[in-house]
Amino acid sequence: MGVIFIMVPLALLFALGAVLAFIYAVREGQFDDVDTPPHRMLHDED
């Protein structure tokens, strides 16, 4: 029964960290252009 008092707050902290990381990535523009990199790989000219 005592394990639940450790695991629930730990899970909530982990979820909060994931949400904050997602918000940071969106604000920094990580998701602005998701189409160009796959096409760039196909048209790589040396």
Protein backbone atom coordinates (compact mmCIF):
# COMPACT_ATOMS: atom_id res chain seq x y z
CA MET A 1 0.00 0.00 0.00
CA GLY A 2 2.92 2.36 0.67
CA VAL A 3 4.26 2.02 -2.88
CA ILE A 4 1.28 3.93 -4.29
CA PHE A 5 2.37 7.05 -2.38
CA ILE A 6 5.66 6.97 -4.26
CA MET A 7 4.52 5.85 -7.72
CA VAL A 8 1.60 8.25 -8.23
CA PRO A 9 3.57 11.46 -7.58
CA LEU A 10 6.47 10.07 -9.62
CA ALA A 11 4.13 9.35 -12.53
CA LEU A 12 2.63 12.83 -12.26
CA LEU A 13 6.09 14.42 -12.31
CA PHE A 14 7.03 12.35 -15.34
CA ALA A 15 3.84 13.38 -17.17
CA LEU A 16 4.40 17.03 -16.27
CA GLY A 17 7.95 16.82 -17.62
CA ALA A 18 6.70 15.33 -20.88
CA VAL A 19 4.10 18.09 -21.28
CA LEU A 20 6.67 20.80 -20.55
CA ALA A 21 9.12 19.26 -23.04
CA PHE A 22 6.38 19.21 -25.70
CA ILE A 23 5.45 22.84 -25.06
CA TYR A 24 9.13 23.84 -25.25
CA ALA A 25 9.57 21.99 -28.56
CA VAL A 26 6.49 23.64 -30.07
CA ARG A 27 7.61 27.12 -29.00
CA GLU A 28 11.13 26.55 -30.38
CA GLY A 29 9.73 25.61 -33.81
CA GLN A 30 10.62 21.92 -33.82
CA PHE A 31 7.34 21.03 -35.56
CA ASP A 32 7.25 23.88 -38.10
CA ASP A 33 8.47 21.92 -41.13
CA VAL A 34 7.83 18.20 -40.97
CA ASP A 35 7.60 17.60 -44.74
CA THR A 36 10.94 18.83 -46.11
CA PRO A 37 13.44 16.52 -44.32
CA PRO A 38 12.02 13.25 -45.75
CA HIS A 39 12.06 14.74 -49.27
CA ARG A 40 15.58 16.09 -48.79
CA MET A 41 16.78 12.56 -48.05
CA LEU A 42 15.33 11.27 -51.34
CA HIS A 43 16.88 14.06 -53.44
CA ASP A 44 20.36 14.05 -51.91
CA GLU A 45 22.89 14.96 -54.61
CA ASP A 46 26.62 14.45 -54.08
